[in-house]
Amino acid sequence: MKKNFMVELFLPEEMDIDFMRMIPAHRAYINELINVGSIVTYSISFDRTKGWIIFSAEDAAEVLDIVQQFPIHQFITIEISELFIHDGESFRFPKLNYN
């Protein structure tokens, strides 16, 4: 059964040209993972030093395997936490509109 995991990722404070060149490939991979349901949500802080990704996976090892495939993996450090609850408005039934 799939569970939810939060990956907190820490981006480099100084983003050099090598890192910047990886971003388009990284975004393409993230979009692919969202489309297949492996990533539930993906967020990056305004100052671009941190990110939070909610994964749907069997276990933390599967999440780590996916993260190690990120084009930017050599530039980041991560923490993986299994979630007990991950809830929000987007996970609810649509609100009815009584016109």
PDB file of N, CA and C in Angstrom:
ATOM      1  N   MET A   1       0.847  -1.179   0.000  1.00  0.00           N
ATOM      2  CA  MET A   1       0.000   0.000   0.000  1.00  0.00           C
ATOM      3  C   MET A   1       0.895   1.246   0.000  1.00  0.00           C
ATOM      4  N   LYS A   2       0.549   2.186  -0.840  1.00  0.00           N
ATOM      5  CA  LYS A   2       1.352   3.410  -0.928  1.00  0.00           C
ATOM      6  C   LYS A   2       1.091   4.305   0.277  1.00  0.00           C
ATOM      7  N   LYS A   3       2.153   4.981   0.698  1.00  0.00           N
ATOM      8  CA  LYS A   3       2.095   5.925   1.811  1.00  0.00           C
ATOM      9  C   LYS A   3       2.621   7.262   1.310  1.00  0.00           C
ATOM     10  N   ASN A   4       2.387   8.291   2.099  1.00  0.00           N
ATOM     11  CA  ASN A   4       2.907   9.615   1.747  1.00  0.00           C
ATOM     12  C   ASN A   4       4.179   9.905   2.536  1.00  0.00           C
ATOM     13  N   PHE A   5       5.132  10.502   1.840  1.00  0.00           N
ATOM     14  CA  PHE A   5       6.405  10.903   2.429  1.00  0.00           C
ATOM     15  C   PHE A   5       6.682  12.345   2.045  1.00  0.00           C
ATOM     16  N   MET A   6       7.203  13.113   2.995  1.00  0.00           N
ATOM     17  CA  MET A   6       7.640  14.463   2.674  1.00  0.00           C
ATOM     18  C   MET A   6       9.156  14.464   2.570  1.00  0.00           C
ATOM     19  N   VAL A   7       9.620  15.014   1.460  1.00  0.00           N
ATOM     20  CA  VAL A   7      11.050  15.237   1.284  1.00  0.00           C
ATOM     21  C   VAL A   7      11.288  16.726   1.439  1.00  0.00           C
ATOM     22  N   GLU A   8      12.086  17.072   2.426  1.00  0.00           N
ATOM     23  CA  GLU A   8      12.532  18.457   2.554  1.00  0.00           C
ATOM     24  C   GLU A   8      13.899  18.501   1.895  1.00  0.00           C
ATOM     25  N   LEU A   9      14.018  19.350   0.870  1.00  0.00           N
ATOM     26  CA  LEU A   9      15.300  19.423   0.191  1.00  0.00           C
ATOM     27  C   LEU A   9      15.927  20.780   0.408  1.00  0.00           C
ATOM     28  N   PHE A  10      17.225  20.751   0.528  1.00  0.00           N
ATOM     29  CA  PHE A  10      18.004  21.953   0.788  1.00  0.00           C
ATOM     30  C   PHE A  10      18.855  22.226  -0.442  1.00  0.00           C
ATOM     31  N   LEU A  11      18.590  23.364  -1.061  1.00  0.00           N
ATOM     32  CA  LEU A  11      19.266  23.754  -2.296  1.00  0.00           C
ATOM     33  C   LEU A  11      20.523  24.547  -1.971  1.00  0.00           C
ATOM     34  N   PRO A  12      21.472  24.598  -2.901  1.00  0.00           N
ATOM     35  CA  PRO A  12      22.694  25.367  -2.636  1.00  0.00           C
ATOM     36  C   PRO A  12      22.394  26.853  -2.488  1.00  0.00           C
ATOM     37  N   GLU A  13      23.087  27.498  -1.554  1.00  0.00           N
ATOM     38  CA  GLU A  13      22.888  28.938  -1.364  1.00  0.00           C
ATOM     39  C   GLU A  13      23.367  29.718  -2.575  1.00  0.00           C
ATOM     40  N   GLU A  14      24.429  29.259  -3.190  1.00  0.00           N
ATOM     41  CA  GLU A  14      24.949  29.896  -4.405  1.00  0.00           C
ATOM     42  C   GLU A  14      24.748  28.923  -5.555  1.00  0.00           C
ATOM     43  N   MET A  15      23.920  29.321  -6.498  1.00  0.00           N
ATOM     44  CA  MET A  15      23.609  28.450  -7.626  1.00  0.00           C
ATOM     45  C   MET A  15      24.525  28.789  -8.795  1.00  0.00           C
ATOM     46  N   ASP A  16      25.497  27.907  -9.030  1.00  0.00           N
ATOM     47  CA  ASP A  16      26.442  28.159 -10.115  1.00  0.00           C
ATOM     48  C   ASP A  16      25.849  27.738 -11.463  1.00  0.00           C
ATOM     49  N   ILE A  17      26.594  27.950 -12.511  1.00  0.00           N
ATOM     50  CA  ILE A  17      26.121  27.684 -13.864  1.00  0.00           C
ATOM     51  C   ILE A  17      25.826  26.199 -14.073  1.00  0.00           C
ATOM     52  N   ASP A  18      26.603  25.313 -13.440  1.00  0.00           N
ATOM     53  CA  ASP A  18      26.356  23.876 -13.566  1.00  0.00           C
ATOM     54  C   ASP A  18      24.990  23.504 -12.998  1.00  0.00           C
ATOM     55  N   PHE A  19      24.656  24.090 -11.852  1.00  0.00           N
ATOM     56  CA  PHE A  19      23.344  23.852 -11.253  1.00  0.00           C
ATOM     57  C   PHE A  19      22.245  24.412 -12.154  1.00  0.00           C
ATOM     58  N   MET A  20      22.407  25.631 -12.611  1.00  0.00           N
ATOM     59  CA  MET A  20      21.384  26.289 -13.430  1.00  0.00           C
ATOM     60  C   MET A  20      21.112  25.509 -14.722  1.00  0.00           C
ATOM     61  N   ARG A  21      22.125  24.906 -15.277  1.00  0.00           N
ATOM     62  CA  ARG A  21      21.952  24.119 -16.509  1.00  0.00           C
ATOM     63  C   ARG A  21      21.107  22.871 -16.284  1.00  0.00           C
ATOM     64  N   MET A  22      21.066  22.386 -15.055  1.00  0.00           N
ATOM     65  CA  MET A  22      20.303  21.180 -14.731  1.00  0.00           C
ATOM     66  C   MET A  22      18.814  21.456 -14.514  1.00  0.00           C
ATOM     67  N   ILE A  23      18.436  22.705 -14.295  1.00  0.00           N
ATOM     68  CA  ILE A  23      17.059  23.020 -13.917  1.00  0.00           C
ATOM     69  C   ILE A  23      16.034  22.592 -14.966  1.00  0.00           C
ATOM     70  N   PRO A  24      16.208  22.863 -16.261  1.00  0.00           N
ATOM     71  CA  PRO A  24      15.186  22.416 -17.223  1.00  0.00           C
ATOM     72  C   PRO A  24      14.961  20.895 -17.205  1.00  0.00           C
ATOM     73  N   ALA A  25      16.034  20.121 -17.139  1.00  0.00           N
ATOM     74  CA  ALA A  25      15.891  18.664 -17.080  1.00  0.00           C
ATOM     75  C   ALA A  25      15.233  18.238 -15.772  1.00  0.00           C
ATOM     76  N   HIS A  26      15.588  18.920 -14.685  1.00  0.00           N
ATOM     77  CA  HIS A  26      14.984  18.620 -13.385  1.00  0.00           C
ATOM     78  C   HIS A  26      13.486  18.883 -13.424  1.00  0.00           C
ATOM     79  N   ARG A  27      13.081  20.041 -13.941  1.00  0.00           N
ATOM     80  CA  ARG A  27      11.649  20.378 -14.016  1.00  0.00           C
ATOM     81  C   ARG A  27      10.902  19.383 -14.904  1.00  0.00           C
ATOM     82  N   ALA A  28      11.505  18.954 -15.993  1.00  0.00           N
ATOM     83  CA  ALA A  28      10.861  17.964 -16.865  1.00  0.00           C
ATOM     84  C   ALA A  28      10.647  16.650 -16.110  1.00  0.00           C
ATOM     85  N   TYR A  29      11.640  16.244 -15.323  1.00  0.00           N
ATOM     86  CA  TYR A  29      11.524  15.012 -14.545  1.00  0.00           C
ATOM     87  C   TYR A  29      10.463  15.159 -13.458  1.00  0.00           C
ATOM     88  N   ILE A  30      10.432  16.300 -12.778  1.00  0.00           N
ATOM     89  CA  ILE A  30       9.407  16.546 -11.759  1.00  0.00           C
ATOM     90  C   ILE A  30       8.023  16.472 -12.388  1.00  0.00           C
ATOM     91  N   ASN A  31       7.837  17.104 -13.535  1.00  0.00           N
ATOM     92  CA  ASN A  31       6.540  17.071 -14.217  1.00  0.00           C
ATOM     93  C   ASN A  31       6.132  15.648 -14.571  1.00  0.00           C
ATOM     94  N   GLU A  32       7.088  14.849 -15.019  1.00  0.00           N
ATOM     95  CA  GLU A  32       6.812  13.443 -15.327  1.00  0.00           C
ATOM     96  C   GLU A  32       6.354  12.698 -14.073  1.00  0.00           C
ATOM     97  N   LEU A  33       7.043  12.925 -12.949  1.00  0.00           N
ATOM     98  CA  LEU A  33       6.679  12.262 -11.695  1.00  0.00           C
ATOM     99  C   LEU A  33       5.310  12.708 -11.195  1.00  0.00           C
ATOM    100  N   ILE A  34       4.958  13.967 -11.405  1.00  0.00           N
ATOM    101  CA  ILE A  34       3.619  14.446 -11.048  1.00  0.00           C
ATOM    102  C   ILE A  34       2.584  13.749 -11.928  1.00  0.00           C
ATOM    103  N   ASN A  35       2.850  13.668 -13.217  1.00  0.00           N
ATOM    104  CA  ASN A  35       1.900  13.062 -14.155  1.00  0.00           C
ATOM    105  C   ASN A  35       1.630  11.592 -13.869  1.00  0.00           C
ATOM    106  N   VAL A  36       2.625  10.859 -13.382  1.00  0.00           N
ATOM    107  CA  VAL A  36       2.424   9.436 -13.085  1.00  0.00           C
ATOM    108  C   VAL A  36       1.969   9.196 -11.644  1.00  0.00           C
ATOM    109  N   GLY A  37       1.849  10.262 -10.842  1.00  0.00           N
ATOM    110  CA  GLY A  37       1.333  10.132  -9.483  1.00  0.00           C
ATOM    111  C   GLY A  37       2.369   9.848  -8.416  1.00  0.00           C
ATOM    112  N   SER A  38       3.641   9.844  -8.751  1.00  0.00           N
ATOM    113  CA  SER A  38       4.670   9.628  -7.727  1.00  0.00           C
ATOM    114  C   SER A  38       4.843  10.853  -6.843  1.00  0.00           C
ATOM    115  N   ILE A  39       4.700  12.048  -7.434  1.00  0.00           N
ATOM    116  CA  ILE A  39       4.738  13.293  -6.664  1.00  0.00           C
ATOM    117  C   ILE A  39       3.323  13.829  -6.546  1.00  0.00           C
ATOM    118  N   VAL A  40       2.919  14.117  -5.301  1.00  0.00           N
ATOM    119  CA  VAL A  40       1.596  14.674  -5.020  1.00  0.00           C
ATOM    120  C   VAL A  40       1.646  16.190  -5.096  1.00  0.00           C
ATOM    121  N   THR A  41       2.632  16.784  -4.422  1.00  0.00           N
ATOM    122  CA  THR A  41       2.817  18.237  -4.460  1.00  0.00           C
ATOM    123  C   THR A  41       4.307  18.549  -4.482  1.00  0.00           C
ATOM    124  N   TYR A  42       4.623  19.716  -5.056  1.00  0.00           N
ATOM    125  CA  TYR A  42       6.017  20.147  -5.200  1.00  0.00           C
ATOM    126  C   TYR A  42       6.062  21.640  -4.935  1.00  0.00           C
ATOM    127  N   SER A  43       6.881  22.064  -3.984  1.00  0.00           N
ATOM    128  CA  SER A  43       6.982  23.482  -3.620  1.00  0.00           C
ATOM    129  C   SER A  43       8.439  23.859  -3.402  1.00  0.00           C
ATOM    130  N   ILE A  44       8.785  25.087  -3.810  1.00  0.00           N
ATOM    131  CA  ILE A  44      10.115  25.650  -3.569  1.00  0.00           C
ATOM    132  C   ILE A  44       9.919  26.994  -2.877  1.00  0.00           C
ATOM    133  N   SER A  45      10.722  27.280  -1.859  1.00  0.00           N
ATOM    134  CA  SER A  45      10.608  28.547  -1.137  1.00  0.00           C
ATOM    135  C   SER A  45      10.947  29.723  -2.049  1.00  0.00           C
ATOM    136  N   PHE A  46      10.416  30.894  -1.681  1.00  0.00           N
ATOM    137  CA  PHE A  46      10.629  32.100  -2.484  1.00  0.00           C
ATOM    138  C   PHE A  46      12.109  32.419  -2.643  1.00  0.00           C
ATOM    139  N   ASP A  47      12.890  32.189  -1.577  1.00  0.00           N
ATOM    140  CA  ASP A  47      14.327  32.487  -1.668  1.00  0.00           C
ATOM    141  C   ASP A  47      15.127  31.362  -2.338  1.00  0.00           C
ATOM    142  N   ARG A  48      14.438  30.319  -2.758  1.00  0.00           N
ATOM    143  CA  ARG A  48      15.020  29.200  -3.514  1.00  0.00           C
ATOM    144  C   ARG A  48      16.130  28.458  -2.767  1.00  0.00           C
ATOM    145  N   THR A  49      15.997  28.387  -1.454  1.00  0.00           N
ATOM    146  CA  THR A  49      16.987  27.640  -0.681  1.00  0.00           C
ATOM    147  C   THR A  49      16.444  26.318  -0.155  1.00  0.00           C
ATOM    148  N   LYS A  50      15.117  26.139  -0.232  1.00  0.00           N
ATOM    149  CA  LYS A  50      14.473  24.961   0.332  1.00  0.00           C
ATOM    150  C   LYS A  50      13.320  24.528  -0.549  1.00  0.00           C
ATOM    151  N   GLY A  51      13.009  23.243  -0.481  1.00  0.00           N
ATOM    152  CA  GLY A  51      11.837  22.731  -1.180  1.00  0.00           C
ATOM    153  C   GLY A  51      11.164  21.651  -0.362  1.00  0.00           C
ATOM    154  N   TRP A  52       9.893  21.408  -0.683  1.00  0.00           N
ATOM    155  CA  TRP A  52       9.112  20.374  -0.023  1.00  0.00           C
ATOM    156  C   TRP A  52       8.377  19.600  -1.096  1.00  0.00           C
ATOM    157  N   ILE A  53       8.535  18.294  -1.070  1.00  0.00           N
ATOM    158  CA  ILE A  53       7.894  17.441  -2.057  1.00  0.00           C
ATOM    159  C   ILE A  53       7.152  16.340  -1.305  1.00  0.00           C
ATOM    160  N   ILE A  54       5.868  16.172  -1.632  1.00  0.00           N
ATOM    161  CA  ILE A  54       5.109  15.058  -1.081  1.00  0.00           C
ATOM    162  C   ILE A  54       5.105  13.951  -2.129  1.00  0.00           C
ATOM    163  N   PHE A  55       5.617  12.792  -1.736  1.00  0.00           N
ATOM    164  CA  PHE A  55       5.663  11.614  -2.600  1.00  0.00           C
ATOM    165  C   PHE A  55       4.618  10.600  -2.170  1.00  0.00           C
ATOM    166  N   SER A  56       4.117   9.851  -3.120  1.00  0.00           N
ATOM    167  CA  SER A  56       3.315   8.666  -2.868  1.00  0.00           C
ATOM    168  C   SER A  56       4.190   7.480  -3.255  1.00  0.00           C
ATOM    169  N   ALA A  57       4.538   6.644  -2.261  1.00  0.00           N
ATOM    170  CA  ALA A  57       5.478   5.551  -2.514  1.00  0.00           C
ATOM    171  C   ALA A  57       5.248   4.423  -1.518  1.00  0.00           C
ATOM    172  N   GLU A  58       5.829   3.275  -1.831  1.00  0.00           N
ATOM    173  CA  GLU A  58       5.713   2.117  -0.937  1.00  0.00           C
ATOM    174  C   GLU A  58       6.503   2.317   0.354  1.00  0.00           C
ATOM    175  N   ASP A  59       7.692   2.910   0.238  1.00  0.00           N
ATOM    176  CA  ASP A  59       8.544   3.093   1.412  1.00  0.00           C
ATOM    177  C   ASP A  59       9.570   4.191   1.144  1.00  0.00           C
ATOM    178  N   ALA A  60      10.309   4.548   2.191  1.00  0.00           N
ATOM    179  CA  ALA A  60      11.299   5.623   2.081  1.00  0.00           C
ATOM    180  C   ALA A  60      12.421   5.260   1.108  1.00  0.00           C
ATOM    181  N   ALA A  61      12.740   3.984   0.989  1.00  0.00           N
ATOM    182  CA  ALA A  61      13.787   3.563   0.049  1.00  0.00           C
ATOM    183  C   ALA A  61      13.380   3.876  -1.385  1.00  0.00           C
ATOM    184  N   GLU A  62      12.107   3.687  -1.712  1.00  0.00           N
ATOM    185  CA  GLU A  62      11.621   4.026  -3.052  1.00  0.00           C
ATOM    186  C   GLU A  62      11.745   5.526  -3.301  1.00  0.00           C
ATOM    187  N   VAL A  63      11.397   6.327  -2.292  1.00  0.00           N
ATOM    188  CA  VAL A  63      11.523   7.783  -2.415  1.00  0.00           C
ATOM    189  C   VAL A  63      12.984   8.161  -2.649  1.00  0.00           C
ATOM    190  N   LEU A  64      13.873   7.592  -1.865  1.00  0.00           N
ATOM    191  CA  LEU A  64      15.301   7.888  -2.020  1.00  0.00           C
ATOM    192  C   LEU A  64      15.791   7.511  -3.420  1.00  0.00           C
ATOM    193  N   ASP A  65      15.350   6.360  -3.921  1.00  0.00           N
ATOM    194  CA  ASP A  65      15.736   5.951  -5.276  1.00  0.00           C
ATOM    195  C   ASP A  65      15.299   6.979  -6.309  1.00  0.00           C
ATOM    196  N   ILE A  66      14.089   7.508  -6.150  1.00  0.00           N
ATOM    197  CA  ILE A  66      13.582   8.514  -7.093  1.00  0.00           C
ATOM    198  C   ILE A  66      14.392   9.800  -6.982  1.00  0.00           C
ATOM    199  N   VAL A  67      14.607  10.265  -5.752  1.00  0.00           N
ATOM    200  CA  VAL A  67      15.338  11.523  -5.547  1.00  0.00           C
ATOM    201  C   VAL A  67      16.761  11.423  -6.099  1.00  0.00           C
ATOM    202  N   GLN A  68      17.367  10.262  -5.982  1.00  0.00           N
ATOM    203  CA  GLN A  68      18.724  10.086  -6.507  1.00  0.00           C
ATOM    204  C   GLN A  68      18.770  10.149  -8.035  1.00  0.00           C
ATOM    205  N   GLN A  69      17.610  10.095  -8.678  1.00  0.00           N
ATOM    206  CA  GLN A  69      17.533  10.251 -10.135  1.00  0.00           C
ATOM    207  C   GLN A  69      17.338  11.711 -10.553  1.00  0.00           C
ATOM    208  N   PHE A  70      17.092  12.612  -9.594  1.00  0.00           N
ATOM    209  CA  PHE A  70      16.938  14.030  -9.927  1.00  0.00           C
ATOM    210  C   PHE A  70      18.212  14.516 -10.620  1.00  0.00           C
ATOM    211  N   PRO A  71      18.089  15.246 -11.709  1.00  0.00           N
ATOM    212  CA  PRO A  71      19.283  15.806 -12.343  1.00  0.00           C
ATOM    213  C   PRO A  71      20.119  16.680 -11.399  1.00  0.00           C
ATOM    214  N   ILE A  72      19.475  17.289 -10.395  1.00  0.00           N
ATOM    215  CA  ILE A  72      20.190  18.165  -9.456  1.00  0.00           C
ATOM    216  C   ILE A  72      20.632  17.438  -8.185  1.00  0.00           C
ATOM    217  N   HIS A  73      20.517  16.111  -8.147  1.00  0.00           N
ATOM    218  CA  HIS A  73      20.741  15.390  -6.885  1.00  0.00           C
ATOM    219  C   HIS A  73      22.116  15.643  -6.267  1.00  0.00           C
ATOM    220  N   GLN A  74      23.139  15.863  -7.069  1.00  0.00           N
ATOM    221  CA  GLN A  74      24.475  16.070  -6.493  1.00  0.00           C
ATOM    222  C   GLN A  74      24.618  17.443  -5.830  1.00  0.00           C
ATOM    223  N   PHE A  75      23.646  18.325  -6.038  1.00  0.00           N
ATOM    224  CA  PHE A  75      23.708  19.676  -5.474  1.00  0.00           C
ATOM    225  C   PHE A  75      22.846  19.843  -4.224  1.00  0.00           C
ATOM    226  N   ILE A  76      22.043  18.839  -3.883  1.00  0.00           N
ATOM    227  CA  ILE A  76      21.071  19.005  -2.801  1.00  0.00           C
ATOM    228  C   ILE A  76      21.336  18.027  -1.660  1.00  0.00           C
ATOM    229  N   THR A  77      20.806  18.378  -0.491  1.00  0.00           N
ATOM    230  CA  THR A  77      20.710  17.433   0.618  1.00  0.00           C
ATOM    231  C   THR A  77      19.232  17.311   0.944  1.00  0.00           C
ATOM    232  N   ILE A  78      18.856  16.177   1.521  1.00  0.00           N
ATOM    233  CA  ILE A  78      17.434  15.930   1.764  1.00  0.00           C
ATOM    234  C   ILE A  78      17.195  15.315   3.132  1.00  0.00           C
ATOM    235  N   GLU A  79      15.952  15.431   3.570  1.00  0.00           N
ATOM    236  CA  GLU A  79      15.431  14.692   4.721  1.00  0.00           C
ATOM    237  C   GLU A  79      14.111  14.085   4.277  1.00  0.00           C
ATOM    238  N   ILE A  80      13.902  12.806   4.580  1.00  0.00           N
ATOM    239  CA  ILE A  80      12.670  12.110   4.215  1.00  0.00           C
ATOM    240  C   ILE A  80      11.910  11.782   5.488  1.00  0.00           C
ATOM    241  N   SER A  81      10.615  12.119   5.511  1.00  0.00           N
ATOM    242  CA  SER A  81       9.753  11.812   6.653  1.00  0.00           C
ATOM    243  C   SER A  81       8.483  11.138   6.158  1.00  0.00           C
ATOM    244  N   GLU A  82       8.119  10.020   6.794  1.00  0.00           N
ATOM    245  CA  GLU A  82       6.833   9.402   6.479  1.00  0.00           C
ATOM    246  C   GLU A  82       5.733  10.226   7.144  1.00  0.00           C
ATOM    247  N   LEU A  83       4.662  10.481   6.409  1.00  0.00           N
ATOM    248  CA  LEU A  83       3.572  11.299   6.927  1.00  0.00           C
ATOM    249  C   LEU A  83       2.441  10.430   7.456  1.00  0.00           C
ATOM    250  N   PHE A  84       1.844  10.867   8.539  1.00  0.00           N
ATOM    251  CA  PHE A  84       0.646  10.231   9.075  1.00  0.00           C
ATOM    252  C   PHE A  84      -0.581  10.845   8.416  1.00  0.00           C
ATOM    253  N   ILE A  85      -0.584  12.183   8.277  1.00  0.00           N
ATOM    254  CA  ILE A  85      -1.698  12.908   7.660  1.00  0.00           C
ATOM    255  C   ILE A  85      -1.135  13.895   6.651  1.00  0.00           C
ATOM    256  N   HIS A  86      -1.753  13.927   5.490  1.00  0.00           N
ATOM    257  CA  HIS A  86      -1.482  14.966   4.484  1.00  0.00           C
ATOM    258  C   HIS A  86      -2.838  15.336   3.914  1.00  0.00           C
ATOM    259  N   ASP A  87      -3.341  16.498   4.283  1.00  0.00           N
ATOM    260  CA  ASP A  87      -4.703  16.898   3.943  1.00  0.00           C
ATOM    261  C   ASP A  87      -4.700  18.316   3.413  1.00  0.00           C
ATOM    262  N   GLY A  88      -5.699  18.657   2.687  1.00  0.00           N
ATOM    263  CA  GLY A  88      -5.842  20.010   2.167  1.00  0.00           C
ATOM    264  C   GLY A  88      -7.112  20.118   1.341  1.00  0.00           C
ATOM    265  N   GLU A  89      -7.449  21.338   0.989  1.00  0.00           N
ATOM    266  CA  GLU A  89      -8.674  21.583   0.231  1.00  0.00           C
ATOM    267  C   GLU A  89      -8.679  20.832  -1.098  1.00  0.00           C
ATOM    268  N   SER A  90      -7.532  20.734  -1.733  1.00  0.00           N
ATOM    269  CA  SER A  90      -7.477  20.082  -3.042  1.00  0.00           C
ATOM    270  C   SER A  90      -7.750  18.576  -2.972  1.00  0.00           C
ATOM    271  N   PHE A  91      -7.733  17.991  -1.779  1.00  0.00           N
ATOM    272  CA  PHE A  91      -8.003  16.568  -1.622  1.00  0.00           C
ATOM    273  C   PHE A  91      -9.462  16.294  -1.260  1.00  0.00           C
ATOM    274  N   ARG A  92     -10.274  17.317  -1.218  1.00  0.00           N
ATOM    275  CA  ARG A  92     -11.684  17.202  -0.844  1.00  0.00           C
ATOM    276  C   ARG A  92     -12.562  17.141  -2.082  1.00  0.00           C
ATOM    277  N   PHE A  93     -13.817  16.767  -1.858  1.00  0.00           N
ATOM    278  CA  PHE A  93     -14.779  16.815  -2.960  1.00  0.00           C
ATOM    279  C   PHE A  93     -14.962  18.255  -3.393  1.00  0.00           C
ATOM    280  N   PRO A  94     -15.233  18.475  -4.666  1.00  0.00           N
ATOM    281  CA  PRO A  94     -15.462  19.855  -5.123  1.00  0.00           C
ATOM    282  C   PRO A  94     -16.649  20.475  -4.393  1.00  0.00           C
ATOM    283  N   LYS A  95     -16.557  21.774  -4.154  1.00  0.00           N
ATOM    284  CA  LYS A  95     -17.658  22.489  -3.513  1.00  0.00           C
ATOM    285  C   LYS A  95     -18.789  22.655  -4.517  1.00  0.00           C
ATOM    286  N   LEU A  96     -19.993  22.485  -4.036  1.00  0.00           N
ATOM    287  CA  LEU A  96     -21.157  22.665  -4.899  1.00  0.00           C
ATOM    288  C   LEU A  96     -21.456  24.142  -5.058  1.00  0.00           C
ATOM    289  N   ASN A  97     -21.824  24.514  -6.262  1.00  0.00           N
ATOM    290  CA  ASN A  97     -22.194  25.895  -6.552  1.00  0.00           C
ATOM    291  C   ASN A  97     -23.676  25.912  -6.871  1.00  0.00           C
ATOM    292  N   TYR A  98     -24.459  26.489  -5.988  1.00  0.00           N
ATOM    293  CA  TYR A  98     -25.910  26.548  -6.167  1.00  0.00           C
ATOM    294  C   TYR A  98     -26.281  27.806  -6.916  1.00  0.00           C
ATOM    295  N   ASN A  99     -26.254  27.761  -8.224  1.00  0.00           N
ATOM    296  CA  ASN A  99     -26.603  28.942  -9.038  1.00  0.00           C
ATOM    297  C   ASN A  99     -28.070  29.215  -9.005  1.00  0.00           C
TER     298      ASN A  99
END
